[in-house]
Amino acid sequence: MANKTSPHILNTSANLLGFCLIVITSLHITNKSETTHIDEFTSIISIFLIFSCFFSFLSIKTQKKRLERRLEIIADYLFGLALVGILIVVVIKTLDLTA
């Protein structure tokens, strides 16, 4: 049987969620949120991370093996989407593609 990844997903998603919230807050404090769409995109990434945390937490708490695996898969896919989103934001900022 595969290793359980839910505890790792929960921990990492929560940490990345905190990072996303810092990015959003710093953009609003510096008034850069009006000139770029990175804060909106980071907000969407945050939503993926919140749901990833939620589904991984439910996966850890459930007693039903089949449901546990399904919840873990959902959390895994949401986490993957969030990572792709973070990669896109990093590339946009690195290449200075914002106006």
PDB file of N, CA and C in Angstrom:
ATOM      1  N   MET A   1       0.843  -1.189   0.000  1.00  0.00           N
ATOM      2  CA  MET A   1       0.000   0.000   0.000  1.00  0.00           C
ATOM      3  C   MET A   1       0.883   1.245   0.000  1.00  0.00           C
ATOM      4  N   ALA A   2       0.410   2.269  -0.628  1.00  0.00           N
ATOM      5  CA  ALA A   2       1.167   3.510  -0.753  1.00  0.00           C
ATOM      6  C   ALA A   2       1.309   4.201   0.599  1.00  0.00           C
ATOM      7  N   ASN A   3       2.370   4.979   0.715  1.00  0.00           N
ATOM      8  CA  ASN A   3       2.575   5.763   1.935  1.00  0.00           C
ATOM      9  C   ASN A   3       1.512   6.832   2.050  1.00  0.00           C
ATOM     10  N   LYS A   4       1.133   7.118   3.267  1.00  0.00           N
ATOM     11  CA  LYS A   4       0.138   8.164   3.494  1.00  0.00           C
ATOM     12  C   LYS A   4       0.819   9.521   3.361  1.00  0.00           C
ATOM     13  N   THR A   5       0.267  10.327   2.475  1.00  0.00           N
ATOM     14  CA  THR A   5       0.854  11.644   2.236  1.00  0.00           C
ATOM     15  C   THR A   5       0.054  12.767   2.877  1.00  0.00           C
ATOM     16  N   SER A   6      -1.110  12.463   3.407  1.00  0.00           N
ATOM     17  CA  SER A   6      -1.978  13.510   3.967  1.00  0.00           C
ATOM     18  C   SER A   6      -1.312  14.365   5.032  1.00  0.00           C
ATOM     19  N   PRO A   7      -0.582  13.782   5.990  1.00  0.00           N
ATOM     20  CA  PRO A   7       0.071  14.656   6.982  1.00  0.00           C
ATOM     21  C   PRO A   7       1.079  15.614   6.349  1.00  0.00           C
ATOM     22  N   HIS A   8       1.796  15.148   5.338  1.00  0.00           N
ATOM     23  CA  HIS A   8       2.774  15.997   4.658  1.00  0.00           C
ATOM     24  C   HIS A   8       2.080  17.095   3.846  1.00  0.00           C
ATOM     25  N   ILE A   9       0.986  16.714   3.170  1.00  0.00           N
ATOM     26  CA  ILE A   9       0.224  17.698   2.393  1.00  0.00           C
ATOM     27  C   ILE A   9      -0.345  18.759   3.321  1.00  0.00           C
ATOM     28  N   LEU A  10      -0.899  18.342   4.450  1.00  0.00           N
ATOM     29  CA  LEU A  10      -1.488  19.285   5.399  1.00  0.00           C
ATOM     30  C   LEU A  10      -0.438  20.271   5.899  1.00  0.00           C
ATOM     31  N   ASN A  11       0.706  19.769   6.304  1.00  0.00           N
ATOM     32  CA  ASN A  11       1.767  20.619   6.841  1.00  0.00           C
ATOM     33  C   ASN A  11       2.282  21.599   5.783  1.00  0.00           C
ATOM     34  N   THR A  12       2.585  21.097   4.603  1.00  0.00           N
ATOM     35  CA  THR A  12       3.151  21.948   3.561  1.00  0.00           C
ATOM     36  C   THR A  12       2.126  22.935   3.017  1.00  0.00           C
ATOM     37  N   SER A  13       0.891  22.493   2.848  1.00  0.00           N
ATOM     38  CA  SER A  13      -0.167  23.399   2.369  1.00  0.00           C
ATOM     39  C   SER A  13      -0.388  24.543   3.345  1.00  0.00           C
ATOM     40  N   ALA A  14      -0.400  24.232   4.620  1.00  0.00           N
ATOM     41  CA  ALA A  14      -0.601  25.276   5.631  1.00  0.00           C
ATOM     42  C   ALA A  14       0.551  26.286   5.596  1.00  0.00           C
ATOM     43  N   ASN A  15       1.774  25.796   5.433  1.00  0.00           N
ATOM     44  CA  ASN A  15       2.920  26.704   5.356  1.00  0.00           C
ATOM     45  C   ASN A  15       2.860  27.574   4.107  1.00  0.00           C
ATOM     46  N   LEU A  16       2.551  26.978   2.965  1.00  0.00           N
ATOM     47  CA  LEU A  16       2.453  27.742   1.725  1.00  0.00           C
ATOM     48  C   LEU A  16       1.278  28.719   1.759  1.00  0.00           C
ATOM     49  N   LEU A  17       0.216  28.348   2.435  1.00  0.00           N
ATOM     50  CA  LEU A  17      -0.920  29.251   2.600  1.00  0.00           C
ATOM     51  C   LEU A  17      -0.495  30.506   3.364  1.00  0.00           C
ATOM     52  N   GLY A  18       0.272  30.323   4.413  1.00  0.00           N
ATOM     53  CA  GLY A  18       0.796  31.471   5.160  1.00  0.00           C
ATOM     54  C   GLY A  18       1.666  32.352   4.280  1.00  0.00           C
ATOM     55  N   PHE A  19       2.489  31.743   3.456  1.00  0.00           N
ATOM     56  CA  PHE A  19       3.332  32.492   2.533  1.00  0.00           C
ATOM     57  C   PHE A  19       2.482  33.290   1.542  1.00  0.00           C
ATOM     58  N   CYS A  20       1.445  32.659   0.994  1.00  0.00           N
ATOM     59  CA  CYS A  20       0.553  33.347   0.049  1.00  0.00           C
ATOM     60  C   CYS A  20      -0.127  34.532   0.709  1.00  0.00           C
ATOM     61  N   LEU A  21      -0.551  34.369   1.946  1.00  0.00           N
ATOM     62  CA  LEU A  21      -1.212  35.466   2.645  1.00  0.00           C
ATOM     63  C   LEU A  21      -0.246  36.625   2.901  1.00  0.00           C
ATOM     64  N   ILE A  22       1.023  36.308   3.147  1.00  0.00           N
ATOM     65  CA  ILE A  22       2.036  37.358   3.302  1.00  0.00           C
ATOM     66  C   ILE A  22       2.223  38.104   1.980  1.00  0.00           C
ATOM     67  N   VAL A  23       2.250  37.374   0.866  1.00  0.00           N
ATOM     68  CA  VAL A  23       2.398  37.998  -0.454  1.00  0.00           C
ATOM     69  C   VAL A  23       1.219  38.930  -0.724  1.00  0.00           C
ATOM     70  N   ILE A  24       0.009  38.447  -0.494  1.00  0.00           N
ATOM     71  CA  ILE A  24      -1.187  39.264  -0.730  1.00  0.00           C
ATOM     72  C   ILE A  24      -1.168  40.519   0.142  1.00  0.00           C
ATOM     73  N   THR A  25      -0.846  40.344   1.416  1.00  0.00           N
ATOM     74  CA  THR A  25      -0.803  41.478   2.341  1.00  0.00           C
ATOM     75  C   THR A  25       0.263  42.488   1.924  1.00  0.00           C
ATOM     76  N   SER A  26       1.439  42.009   1.554  1.00  0.00           N
ATOM     77  CA  SER A  26       2.514  42.941   1.170  1.00  0.00           C
ATOM     78  C   SER A  26       2.161  43.700  -0.102  1.00  0.00           C
ATOM     79  N   LEU A  27       1.481  43.048  -1.039  1.00  0.00           N
ATOM     80  CA  LEU A  27       1.058  43.755  -2.252  1.00  0.00           C
ATOM     81  C   LEU A  27       0.043  44.850  -1.939  1.00  0.00           C
ATOM     82  N   HIS A  28      -0.844  44.582  -0.998  1.00  0.00           N
ATOM     83  CA  HIS A  28      -1.843  45.593  -0.630  1.00  0.00           C
ATOM     84  C   HIS A  28      -1.221  46.731   0.184  1.00  0.00           C
ATOM     85  N   ILE A  29      -0.267  46.408   1.047  1.00  0.00           N
ATOM     86  CA  ILE A  29       0.390  47.444   1.854  1.00  0.00           C
ATOM     87  C   ILE A  29       1.189  48.394   0.959  1.00  0.00           C
ATOM     88  N   THR A  30       1.841  47.838  -0.056  1.00  0.00           N
ATOM     89  CA  THR A  30       2.676  48.663  -0.946  1.00  0.00           C
ATOM     90  C   THR A  30       1.885  49.271  -2.100  1.00  0.00           C
ATOM     91  N   ASN A  31       0.575  49.056  -2.111  1.00  0.00           N
ATOM     92  CA  ASN A  31      -0.310  49.566  -3.166  1.00  0.00           C
ATOM     93  C   ASN A  31       0.062  49.060  -4.553  1.00  0.00           C
ATOM     94  N   LYS A  32       0.683  47.894  -4.611  1.00  0.00           N
ATOM     95  CA  LYS A  32       1.015  47.282  -5.909  1.00  0.00           C
ATOM     96  C   LYS A  32      -0.131  46.422  -6.419  1.00  0.00           C
ATOM     97  N   SER A  33      -1.160  46.219  -5.612  1.00  0.00           N
ATOM     98  CA  SER A  33      -2.275  45.369  -6.028  1.00  0.00           C
ATOM     99  C   SER A  33      -3.100  46.007  -7.130  1.00  0.00           C
ATOM    100  N   GLU A  34      -3.011  47.342  -7.262  1.00  0.00           N
ATOM    101  CA  GLU A  34      -3.752  48.010  -8.331  1.00  0.00           C
ATOM    102  C   GLU A  34      -3.072  47.867  -9.683  1.00  0.00           C
ATOM    103  N   THR A  35      -1.746  47.667  -9.690  1.00  0.00           N
ATOM    104  CA  THR A  35      -0.990  47.633 -10.945  1.00  0.00           C
ATOM    105  C   THR A  35      -0.682  46.222 -11.431  1.00  0.00           C
ATOM    106  N   THR A  36      -1.024  45.215 -10.667  1.00  0.00           N
ATOM    107  CA  THR A  36      -0.712  43.839 -11.037  1.00  0.00           C
ATOM    108  C   THR A  36      -1.861  42.911 -10.646  1.00  0.00           C
ATOM    109  N   HIS A  37      -1.930  41.802 -11.308  1.00  0.00           N
ATOM    110  CA  HIS A  37      -2.965  40.809 -10.993  1.00  0.00           C
ATOM    111  C   HIS A  37      -2.413  39.654 -10.160  1.00  0.00           C
ATOM    112  N   ILE A  38      -1.209  39.804  -9.666  1.00  0.00           N
ATOM    113  CA  ILE A  38      -0.592  38.732  -8.896  1.00  0.00           C
ATOM    114  C   ILE A  38      -1.356  38.475  -7.606  1.00  0.00           C
ATOM    115  N   ASP A  39      -1.915  39.513  -6.989  1.00  0.00           N
ATOM    116  CA  ASP A  39      -2.658  39.288  -5.746  1.00  0.00           C
ATOM    117  C   ASP A  39      -3.914  38.460  -5.985  1.00  0.00           C
ATOM    118  N   GLU A  40      -4.607  38.711  -7.105  1.00  0.00           N
ATOM    119  CA  GLU A  40      -5.790  37.896  -7.416  1.00  0.00           C
ATOM    120  C   GLU A  40      -5.388  36.442  -7.699  1.00  0.00           C
ATOM    121  N   PHE A  41      -4.304  36.280  -8.448  1.00  0.00           N
ATOM    122  CA  PHE A  41      -3.838  34.929  -8.774  1.00  0.00           C
ATOM    123  C   PHE A  41      -3.372  34.205  -7.507  1.00  0.00           C
ATOM    124  N   THR A  42      -2.694  34.927  -6.626  1.00  0.00           N
ATOM    125  CA  THR A  42      -2.249  34.339  -5.359  1.00  0.00           C
ATOM    126  C   THR A  42      -3.446  33.998  -4.476  1.00  0.00           C
ATOM    127  N   SER A  43      -4.510  34.774  -4.563  1.00  0.00           N
ATOM    128  CA  SER A  43      -5.730  34.460  -3.812  1.00  0.00           C
ATOM    129  C   SER A  43      -6.343  33.143  -4.287  1.00  0.00           C
ATOM    130  N   ILE A  44      -6.321  32.917  -5.588  1.00  0.00           N
ATOM    131  CA  ILE A  44      -6.830  31.652  -6.129  1.00  0.00           C
ATOM    132  C   ILE A  44      -5.960  30.493  -5.662  1.00  0.00           C
ATOM    133  N   ILE A  45      -4.653  30.689  -5.673  1.00  0.00           N
ATOM    134  CA  ILE A  45      -3.733  29.661  -5.167  1.00  0.00           C
ATOM    135  C   ILE A  45      -4.038  29.379  -3.701  1.00  0.00           C
ATOM    136  N   SER A  46      -4.315  30.430  -2.942  1.00  0.00           N
ATOM    137  CA  SER A  46      -4.641  30.263  -1.520  1.00  0.00           C
ATOM    138  C   SER A  46      -5.888  29.413  -1.329  1.00  0.00           C
ATOM    139  N   ILE A  47      -6.859  29.602  -2.185  1.00  0.00           N
ATOM    140  CA  ILE A  47      -8.081  28.792  -2.105  1.00  0.00           C
ATOM    141  C   ILE A  47      -7.764  27.322  -2.354  1.00  0.00           C
ATOM    142  N   PHE A  48      -6.933  27.043  -3.365  1.00  0.00           N
ATOM    143  CA  PHE A  48      -6.514  25.656  -3.606  1.00  0.00           C
ATOM    144  C   PHE A  48      -5.815  25.080  -2.382  1.00  0.00           C
ATOM    145  N   LEU A  49      -4.956  25.876  -1.747  1.00  0.00           N
ATOM    146  CA  LEU A  49      -4.233  25.401  -0.566  1.00  0.00           C
ATOM    147  C   LEU A  49      -5.166  25.189   0.621  1.00  0.00           C
ATOM    148  N   ILE A  50      -6.152  26.068   0.785  1.00  0.00           N
ATOM    149  CA  ILE A  50      -7.117  25.892   1.882  1.00  0.00           C
ATOM    150  C   ILE A  50      -7.877  24.580   1.714  1.00  0.00           C
ATOM    151  N   PHE A  51      -8.364  24.331   0.491  1.00  0.00           N
ATOM    152  CA  PHE A  51      -9.098  23.091   0.265  1.00  0.00           C
ATOM    153  C   PHE A  51      -8.184  21.869   0.350  1.00  0.00           C
ATOM    154  N   SER A  52      -6.938  22.023  -0.044  1.00  0.00           N
ATOM    155  CA  SER A  52      -5.978  20.937   0.103  1.00  0.00           C
ATOM    156  C   SER A  52      -5.783  20.604   1.581  1.00  0.00           C
ATOM    157  N   CYS A  53      -5.654  21.635   2.417  1.00  0.00           N
ATOM    158  CA  CYS A  53      -5.564  21.422   3.866  1.00  0.00           C
ATOM    159  C   CYS A  53      -6.814  20.730   4.399  1.00  0.00           C
ATOM    160  N   PHE A  54      -7.952  21.207   3.949  1.00  0.00           N
ATOM    161  CA  PHE A  54      -9.230  20.666   4.416  1.00  0.00           C
ATOM    162  C   PHE A  54      -9.363  19.176   4.068  1.00  0.00           C
ATOM    163  N   PHE A  55      -9.109  18.826   2.810  1.00  0.00           N
ATOM    164  CA  PHE A  55      -9.261  17.427   2.402  1.00  0.00           C
ATOM    165  C   PHE A  55      -8.192  16.524   3.016  1.00  0.00           C
ATOM    166  N   SER A  56      -6.982  17.024   3.194  1.00  0.00           N
ATOM    167  CA  SER A  56      -5.960  16.193   3.832  1.00  0.00           C
ATOM    168  C   SER A  56      -6.290  15.993   5.310  1.00  0.00           C
ATOM    169  N   PHE A  57      -6.825  17.024   5.956  1.00  0.00           N
ATOM    170  CA  PHE A  57      -7.250  16.882   7.354  1.00  0.00           C
ATOM    171  C   PHE A  57      -8.360  15.841   7.475  1.00  0.00           C
ATOM    172  N   LEU A  58      -9.362  15.927   6.577  1.00  0.00           N
ATOM    173  CA  LEU A  58     -10.445  14.931   6.605  1.00  0.00           C
ATOM    174  C   LEU A  58      -9.910  13.533   6.336  1.00  0.00           C
ATOM    175  N   SER A  59      -8.934  13.425   5.454  1.00  0.00           N
ATOM    176  CA  SER A  59      -8.340  12.130   5.156  1.00  0.00           C
ATOM    177  C   SER A  59      -7.662  11.534   6.381  1.00  0.00           C
ATOM    178  N   ILE A  60      -7.013  12.369   7.158  1.00  0.00           N
ATOM    179  CA  ILE A  60      -6.349  11.899   8.370  1.00  0.00           C
ATOM    180  C   ILE A  60      -7.373  11.455   9.406  1.00  0.00           C
ATOM    181  N   LYS A  61      -8.488  12.163   9.498  1.00  0.00           N
ATOM    182  CA  LYS A  61      -9.477  11.906  10.546  1.00  0.00           C
ATOM    183  C   LYS A  61     -10.450  10.768  10.252  1.00  0.00           C
ATOM    184  N   THR A  62     -10.645  10.433   8.976  1.00  0.00           N
ATOM    185  CA  THR A  62     -11.644   9.405   8.672  1.00  0.00           C
ATOM    186  C   THR A  62     -11.126   8.008   9.031  1.00  0.00           C
ATOM    187  N   GLN A  63     -12.058   7.150   9.358  1.00  0.00           N
ATOM    188  CA  GLN A  63     -11.729   5.761   9.690  1.00  0.00           C
ATOM    189  C   GLN A  63     -11.934   4.823   8.503  1.00  0.00           C
ATOM    190  N   LYS A  64     -12.600   5.309   7.469  1.00  0.00           N
ATOM    191  CA  LYS A  64     -12.913   4.489   6.297  1.00  0.00           C
ATOM    192  C   LYS A  64     -11.755   4.565   5.306  1.00  0.00           C
ATOM    193  N   LYS A  65     -11.144   3.426   5.032  1.00  0.00           N
ATOM    194  CA  LYS A  65      -9.947   3.384   4.183  1.00  0.00           C
ATOM    195  C   LYS A  65     -10.199   3.901   2.771  1.00  0.00           C
ATOM    196  N   ARG A  66     -11.304   3.517   2.191  1.00  0.00           N
ATOM    197  CA  ARG A  66     -11.598   3.948   0.817  1.00  0.00           C
ATOM    198  C   ARG A  66     -11.820   5.462   0.743  1.00  0.00           C
ATOM    199  N   LEU A  67     -12.576   6.004   1.692  1.00  0.00           N
ATOM    200  CA  LEU A  67     -12.816   7.440   1.749  1.00  0.00           C
ATOM    201  C   LEU A  67     -11.506   8.175   2.053  1.00  0.00           C
ATOM    202  N   GLU A  68     -10.712   7.614   2.931  1.00  0.00           N
ATOM    203  CA  GLU A  68      -9.415   8.208   3.262  1.00  0.00           C
ATOM    204  C   GLU A  68      -8.554   8.376   2.014  1.00  0.00           C
ATOM    205  N   ARG A  69      -8.506   7.339   1.192  1.00  0.00           N
ATOM    206  CA  ARG A  69      -7.700   7.386  -0.032  1.00  0.00           C
ATOM    207  C   ARG A  69      -8.257   8.416  -1.023  1.00  0.00           C
ATOM    208  N   ARG A  70      -9.572   8.471  -1.164  1.00  0.00           N
ATOM    209  CA  ARG A  70     -10.179   9.448  -2.084  1.00  0.00           C
ATOM    210  C   ARG A  70      -9.898  10.880  -1.638  1.00  0.00           C
ATOM    211  N   LEU A  71     -10.056  11.140  -0.356  1.00  0.00           N
ATOM    212  CA  LEU A  71      -9.796  12.481   0.167  1.00  0.00           C
ATOM    213  C   LEU A  71      -8.325  12.856  -0.006  1.00  0.00           C
ATOM    214  N   GLU A  72      -7.460  11.877   0.193  1.00  0.00           N
ATOM    215  CA  GLU A  72      -6.027  12.113   0.027  1.00  0.00           C
ATOM    216  C   GLU A  72      -5.684  12.438  -1.430  1.00  0.00           C
ATOM    217  N   ILE A  73      -6.317  11.767  -2.360  1.00  0.00           N
ATOM    218  CA  ILE A  73      -6.091  12.028  -3.786  1.00  0.00           C
ATOM    219  C   ILE A  73      -6.569  13.432  -4.146  1.00  0.00           C
ATOM    220  N   ILE A  74      -7.739  13.826  -3.634  1.00  0.00           N
ATOM    221  CA  ILE A  74      -8.250  15.180  -3.895  1.00  0.00           C
ATOM    222  C   ILE A  74      -7.279  16.216  -3.342  1.00  0.00           C
ATOM    223  N   ALA A  75      -6.830  16.011  -2.106  1.00  0.00           N
ATOM    224  CA  ALA A  75      -5.873  16.944  -1.487  1.00  0.00           C
ATOM    225  C   ALA A  75      -4.587  17.010  -2.297  1.00  0.00           C
ATOM    226  N   ASP A  76      -4.153  15.865  -2.799  1.00  0.00           N
ATOM    227  CA  ASP A  76      -2.920  15.796  -3.585  1.00  0.00           C
ATOM    228  C   ASP A  76      -3.048  16.591  -4.886  1.00  0.00           C
ATOM    229  N   TYR A  77      -4.157  16.440  -5.593  1.00  0.00           N
ATOM    230  CA  TYR A  77      -4.366  17.178  -6.839  1.00  0.00           C
ATOM    231  C   TYR A  77      -4.482  18.685  -6.594  1.00  0.00           C
ATOM    232  N   LEU A  78      -5.196  19.073  -5.551  1.00  0.00           N
ATOM    233  CA  LEU A  78      -5.312  20.498  -5.233  1.00  0.00           C
ATOM    234  C   LEU A  78      -3.956  21.092  -4.864  1.00  0.00           C
ATOM    235  N   PHE A  79      -3.168  20.333  -4.128  1.00  0.00           N
ATOM    236  CA  PHE A  79      -1.828  20.774  -3.767  1.00  0.00           C
ATOM    237  C   PHE A  79      -0.962  20.932  -5.018  1.00  0.00           C
ATOM    238  N   GLY A  80      -1.074  19.981  -5.938  1.00  0.00           N
ATOM    239  CA  GLY A  80      -0.331  20.069  -7.195  1.00  0.00           C
ATOM    240  C   GLY A  80      -0.715  21.291  -8.008  1.00  0.00           C
ATOM    241  N   LEU A  81      -2.017  21.577  -8.086  1.00  0.00           N
ATOM    242  CA  LEU A  81      -2.478  22.774  -8.787  1.00  0.00           C
ATOM    243  C   LEU A  81      -1.925  24.044  -8.141  1.00  0.00           C
ATOM    244  N   ALA A  82      -1.910  24.061  -6.822  1.00  0.00           N
ATOM    245  CA  ALA A  82      -1.373  25.218  -6.111  1.00  0.00           C
ATOM    246  C   ALA A  82       0.119  25.392  -6.403  1.00  0.00           C
ATOM    247  N   LEU A  83       0.858  24.282  -6.459  1.00  0.00           N
ATOM    248  CA  LEU A  83       2.286  24.372  -6.774  1.00  0.00           C
ATOM    249  C   LEU A  83       2.519  24.912  -8.183  1.00  0.00           C
ATOM    250  N   VAL A  84       1.711  24.478  -9.127  1.00  0.00           N
ATOM    251  CA  VAL A  84       1.817  25.003 -10.494  1.00  0.00           C
ATOM    252  C   VAL A  84       1.518  26.504 -10.495  1.00  0.00           C
ATOM    253  N   GLY A  85       0.511  26.913  -9.743  1.00  0.00           N
ATOM    254  CA  GLY A  85       0.177  28.327  -9.630  1.00  0.00           C
ATOM    255  C   GLY A  85       1.314  29.133  -9.034  1.00  0.00           C
ATOM    256  N   ILE A  86       1.943  28.597  -7.995  1.00  0.00           N
ATOM    257  CA  ILE A  86       3.083  29.280  -7.379  1.00  0.00           C
ATOM    258  C   ILE A  86       4.232  29.381  -8.378  1.00  0.00           C
ATOM    259  N   LEU A  87       4.453  28.329  -9.135  1.00  0.00           N
ATOM    260  CA  LEU A  87       5.489  28.359 -10.168  1.00  0.00           C
ATOM    261  C   LEU A  87       5.224  29.467 -11.184  1.00  0.00           C
ATOM    262  N   ILE A  88       3.980  29.603 -11.604  1.00  0.00           N
ATOM    263  CA  ILE A  88       3.621  30.646 -12.568  1.00  0.00           C
ATOM    264  C   ILE A  88       3.873  32.036 -11.986  1.00  0.00           C
ATOM    265  N   VAL A  89       3.487  32.253 -10.726  1.00  0.00           N
ATOM    266  CA  VAL A  89       3.720  33.551 -10.088  1.00  0.00           C
ATOM    267  C   VAL A  89       5.215  33.846 -10.006  1.00  0.00           C
ATOM    268  N   VAL A  90       6.006  32.847  -9.625  1.00  0.00           N
ATOM    269  CA  VAL A  90       7.453  33.040  -9.527  1.00  0.00           C
ATOM    270  C   VAL A  90       8.054  33.375 -10.888  1.00  0.00           C
ATOM    271  N   VAL A  91       7.613  32.675 -11.929  1.00  0.00           N
ATOM    272  CA  VAL A  91       8.120  32.951 -13.270  1.00  0.00           C
ATOM    273  C   VAL A  91       7.732  34.357 -13.715  1.00  0.00           C
ATOM    274  N   ILE A  92       6.491  34.739 -13.451  1.00  0.00           N
ATOM    275  CA  ILE A  92       6.031  36.090 -13.819  1.00  0.00           C
ATOM    276  C   ILE A  92       6.883  37.152 -13.112  1.00  0.00           C
ATOM    277  N   LYS A  93       7.122  36.964 -11.824  1.00  0.00           N
ATOM    278  CA  LYS A  93       7.915  37.945 -11.075  1.00  0.00           C
ATOM    279  C   LYS A  93       9.384  37.906 -11.484  1.00  0.00           C
ATOM    280  N   THR A  94       9.914  36.726 -11.727  1.00  0.00           N
ATOM    281  CA  THR A  94      11.324  36.601 -12.100  1.00  0.00           C
ATOM    282  C   THR A  94      11.602  37.236 -13.444  1.00  0.00           C
ATOM    283  N   LEU A  95      10.731  37.002 -14.396  1.00  0.00           N
ATOM    284  CA  LEU A  95      10.916  37.559 -15.744  1.00  0.00           C
ATOM    285  C   LEU A  95      10.341  38.961 -15.862  1.00  0.00           C
ATOM    286  N   ASP A  96       9.776  39.460 -14.756  1.00  0.00           N
ATOM    287  CA  ASP A  96       9.188  40.800 -14.700  1.00  0.00           C
ATOM    288  C   ASP A  96       8.185  41.004 -15.837  1.00  0.00           C
ATOM    289  N   LEU A  97       7.220  40.093 -15.919  1.00  0.00           N
ATOM    290  CA  LEU A  97       6.208  40.144 -16.961  1.00  0.00           C
ATOM    291  C   LEU A  97       5.028  41.031 -16.592  1.00  0.00           C
ATOM    292  N   THR A  98       5.033  41.592 -15.402  1.00  0.00           N
ATOM    293  CA  THR A  98       3.935  42.474 -15.011  1.00  0.00           C
ATOM    294  C   THR A  98       4.212  43.879 -15.505  1.00  0.00           C
ATOM    295  N   ALA A  99       3.135  44.585 -15.752  1.00  0.00           N
ATOM    296  CA  ALA A  99       3.293  45.962 -16.262  1.00  0.00           C
ATOM    297  C   ALA A  99       3.643  46.916 -15.175  1.00  0.00           C
TER     298      ALA A  99
END
